[in-house]
N, C-alpha and C. Protein backbone atom coordinates (compact mmCIF):
# COMPACT_ATOMS: atom_id res chain seq x y z
N MET A 1 0.77 23.25 -9.23
CA MET A 1 -0.59 23.05 -8.76
C MET A 1 -1.25 21.96 -9.59
N SER A 2 -1.98 21.09 -8.95
CA SER A 2 -2.61 19.98 -9.67
C SER A 2 -3.95 20.42 -10.26
N LYS A 3 -4.33 19.72 -11.32
CA LYS A 3 -5.60 20.03 -12.00
C LYS A 3 -6.75 19.36 -11.26
N THR A 4 -7.86 20.03 -11.21
CA THR A 4 -9.08 19.49 -10.63
C THR A 4 -9.96 18.97 -11.76
N TYR A 5 -10.53 17.77 -11.56
CA TYR A 5 -11.39 17.16 -12.57
C TYR A 5 -12.81 17.06 -12.05
N THR A 6 -13.77 17.20 -12.95
CA THR A 6 -15.17 16.98 -12.58
C THR A 6 -15.46 15.49 -12.65
N LEU A 7 -16.55 15.06 -12.05
CA LEU A 7 -16.95 13.66 -12.10
C LEU A 7 -17.17 13.22 -13.55
N GLU A 8 -17.76 14.07 -14.36
CA GLU A 8 -18.01 13.74 -15.76
C GLU A 8 -16.70 13.55 -16.52
N GLU A 9 -15.70 14.39 -16.25
CA GLU A 9 -14.39 14.25 -16.90
C GLU A 9 -13.75 12.92 -16.51
N ILE A 10 -13.85 12.58 -15.24
CA ILE A 10 -13.27 11.33 -14.76
C ILE A 10 -13.95 10.13 -15.42
N LYS A 11 -15.28 10.18 -15.55
CA LYS A 11 -16.02 9.08 -16.17
C LYS A 11 -15.62 8.87 -17.63
N LYS A 12 -15.20 9.93 -18.31
CA LYS A 12 -14.82 9.84 -19.72
C LYS A 12 -13.37 9.40 -19.92
N MET A 13 -12.58 9.40 -18.86
CA MET A 13 -11.16 9.05 -18.99
C MET A 13 -10.99 7.56 -19.29
N LYS A 14 -9.99 7.27 -20.07
CA LYS A 14 -9.64 5.88 -20.39
C LYS A 14 -8.52 5.44 -19.45
N GLY A 15 -8.66 4.26 -18.89
CA GLY A 15 -7.61 3.73 -18.02
C GLY A 15 -6.43 3.22 -18.84
N LYS A 16 -5.29 3.15 -18.19
CA LYS A 16 -4.08 2.67 -18.86
C LYS A 16 -3.70 1.26 -18.40
N THR A 17 -4.57 0.64 -17.63
CA THR A 17 -4.30 -0.70 -17.11
C THR A 17 -4.37 -1.74 -18.22
N ASP A 18 -3.36 -2.59 -18.26
CA ASP A 18 -3.34 -3.70 -19.20
C ASP A 18 -4.16 -4.83 -18.56
N ILE A 19 -5.44 -4.90 -18.89
CA ILE A 19 -6.36 -5.85 -18.27
C ILE A 19 -5.92 -7.29 -18.47
N ASP A 20 -5.42 -7.61 -19.66
CA ASP A 20 -4.95 -8.97 -19.95
C ASP A 20 -3.79 -9.35 -19.02
N PHE A 21 -2.83 -8.43 -18.88
CA PHE A 21 -1.69 -8.67 -17.99
C PHE A 21 -2.17 -8.82 -16.56
N PHE A 22 -3.07 -7.94 -16.14
CA PHE A 22 -3.61 -7.97 -14.78
C PHE A 22 -4.27 -9.32 -14.49
N ASN A 23 -5.11 -9.78 -15.40
CA ASN A 23 -5.83 -11.04 -15.19
C ASN A 23 -4.93 -12.26 -15.20
N LYS A 24 -3.80 -12.18 -15.88
CA LYS A 24 -2.88 -13.31 -15.95
C LYS A 24 -1.83 -13.31 -14.83
N THR A 25 -1.77 -12.23 -14.04
CA THR A 25 -0.79 -12.13 -12.97
C THR A 25 -1.17 -13.06 -11.82
N THR A 26 -0.22 -13.89 -11.42
CA THR A 26 -0.47 -14.85 -10.34
C THR A 26 0.02 -14.29 -9.01
N GLU A 27 -0.35 -14.93 -7.91
CA GLU A 27 0.14 -14.54 -6.59
C GLU A 27 1.66 -14.63 -6.55
N LYS A 28 2.20 -15.65 -7.20
CA LYS A 28 3.66 -15.82 -7.26
C LYS A 28 4.29 -14.62 -7.98
N ASP A 29 3.70 -14.18 -9.08
CA ASP A 29 4.21 -13.01 -9.81
C ASP A 29 4.22 -11.78 -8.91
N ILE A 30 3.13 -11.59 -8.18
CA ILE A 30 3.02 -10.42 -7.30
C ILE A 30 4.10 -10.47 -6.22
N MET A 31 4.31 -11.63 -5.64
CA MET A 31 5.33 -11.79 -4.61
C MET A 31 6.71 -11.48 -5.17
N GLU A 32 7.02 -12.02 -6.35
CA GLU A 32 8.32 -11.78 -6.96
C GLU A 32 8.52 -10.31 -7.29
N GLN A 33 7.46 -9.65 -7.76
CA GLN A 33 7.54 -8.23 -8.09
C GLN A 33 7.77 -7.39 -6.83
N SER A 34 7.07 -7.73 -5.76
CA SER A 34 7.22 -6.96 -4.53
C SER A 34 8.59 -7.16 -3.90
N ILE A 35 9.12 -8.38 -3.98
CA ILE A 35 10.45 -8.65 -3.43
C ILE A 35 11.53 -7.91 -4.22
N SER A 36 11.35 -7.81 -5.52
CA SER A 36 12.37 -7.16 -6.35
C SER A 36 12.28 -5.64 -6.32
N ASP A 37 11.20 -5.08 -5.76
CA ASP A 37 11.02 -3.63 -5.69
C ASP A 37 11.77 -3.09 -4.48
N PRO A 38 12.82 -2.27 -4.71
CA PRO A 38 13.60 -1.77 -3.57
C PRO A 38 12.81 -0.81 -2.67
N ASP A 39 11.71 -0.27 -3.15
CA ASP A 39 10.92 0.66 -2.36
C ASP A 39 9.86 -0.04 -1.51
N THR A 40 9.71 -1.34 -1.67
CA THR A 40 8.73 -2.09 -0.91
C THR A 40 9.45 -2.96 0.11
N PRO A 41 9.22 -2.71 1.40
CA PRO A 41 9.89 -3.55 2.40
C PRO A 41 9.31 -4.96 2.38
N TYR A 42 10.17 -5.96 2.41
CA TYR A 42 9.72 -7.34 2.47
C TYR A 42 9.68 -7.74 3.94
N LEU A 43 8.48 -7.92 4.47
CA LEU A 43 8.30 -8.20 5.89
C LEU A 43 8.20 -9.71 6.13
N THR A 44 8.79 -10.12 7.23
CA THR A 44 8.69 -11.52 7.62
C THR A 44 7.32 -11.75 8.27
N GLU A 45 6.94 -12.99 8.45
CA GLU A 45 5.67 -13.32 9.11
C GLU A 45 5.64 -12.74 10.52
N ASP A 46 6.78 -12.81 11.23
CA ASP A 46 6.84 -12.26 12.60
C ASP A 46 6.63 -10.75 12.60
N GLU A 47 7.21 -10.05 11.62
CA GLU A 47 7.03 -8.60 11.53
C GLU A 47 5.57 -8.25 11.22
N ILE A 48 4.94 -9.03 10.35
CA ILE A 48 3.54 -8.78 10.00
C ILE A 48 2.66 -8.97 11.22
N LYS A 49 2.97 -9.94 12.07
CA LYS A 49 2.18 -10.20 13.28
C LYS A 49 2.23 -9.03 14.25
N GLU A 50 3.25 -8.16 14.14
CA GLU A 50 3.38 -7.01 15.02
C GLU A 50 2.40 -5.89 14.67
N PHE A 51 1.83 -5.92 13.47
CA PHE A 51 0.88 -4.90 13.07
C PHE A 51 -0.37 -4.99 13.94
N THR A 52 -0.95 -3.82 14.23
CA THR A 52 -2.18 -3.78 15.00
C THR A 52 -3.20 -2.91 14.27
N THR A 53 -4.45 -3.09 14.62
CA THR A 53 -5.52 -2.27 14.05
C THR A 53 -5.66 -1.00 14.88
N PRO A 54 -6.29 0.02 14.33
CA PRO A 54 -6.53 1.23 15.13
C PRO A 54 -7.31 0.93 16.41
N GLU A 55 -8.24 0.00 16.32
CA GLU A 55 -9.04 -0.36 17.50
C GLU A 55 -8.15 -0.97 18.58
N GLU A 56 -7.20 -1.82 18.17
CA GLU A 56 -6.29 -2.43 19.14
C GLU A 56 -5.40 -1.37 19.79
N ARG A 57 -4.95 -0.40 18.98
CA ARG A 57 -4.10 0.65 19.52
C ARG A 57 -4.87 1.53 20.51
N LYS A 58 -6.13 1.84 20.19
CA LYS A 58 -6.94 2.65 21.10
C LYS A 58 -7.15 1.91 22.43
N LYS A 59 -7.40 0.62 22.33
CA LYS A 59 -7.65 -0.19 23.51
C LYS A 59 -6.40 -0.25 24.40
N ASN A 60 -5.23 -0.24 23.78
CA ASN A 60 -3.98 -0.37 24.53
C ASN A 60 -3.35 0.97 24.91
N ASP A 61 -3.94 2.09 24.48
CA ASP A 61 -3.39 3.40 24.82
C ASP A 61 -3.24 3.55 26.33
N GLY A 62 -2.06 3.99 26.73
CA GLY A 62 -1.81 4.24 28.13
C GLY A 62 -1.54 3.01 28.97
N LYS A 63 -1.51 1.83 28.36
CA LYS A 63 -1.30 0.61 29.13
C LYS A 63 0.15 0.15 29.04
N GLY A 64 1.01 0.96 28.37
CA GLY A 64 2.43 0.60 28.28
C GLY A 64 2.65 -0.62 27.44
N ASP A 65 3.23 -0.41 26.26
CA ASP A 65 3.44 -1.53 25.33
C ASP A 65 4.63 -2.36 25.69
């Protein structure tokens, strides 16, 4: 069972984020990290274009994709 925290407890918690590392990370670094992560699918531009918004899906419901 997970622990429940109050808002005050959360406000007092210290983050573990390395702010310096975060600020120095480039878009290229992020891309390289995501490509090397086996749990993250690397999608092509064509695959990304297939994504739709919930509004688009609602509009197309029942119209046969």
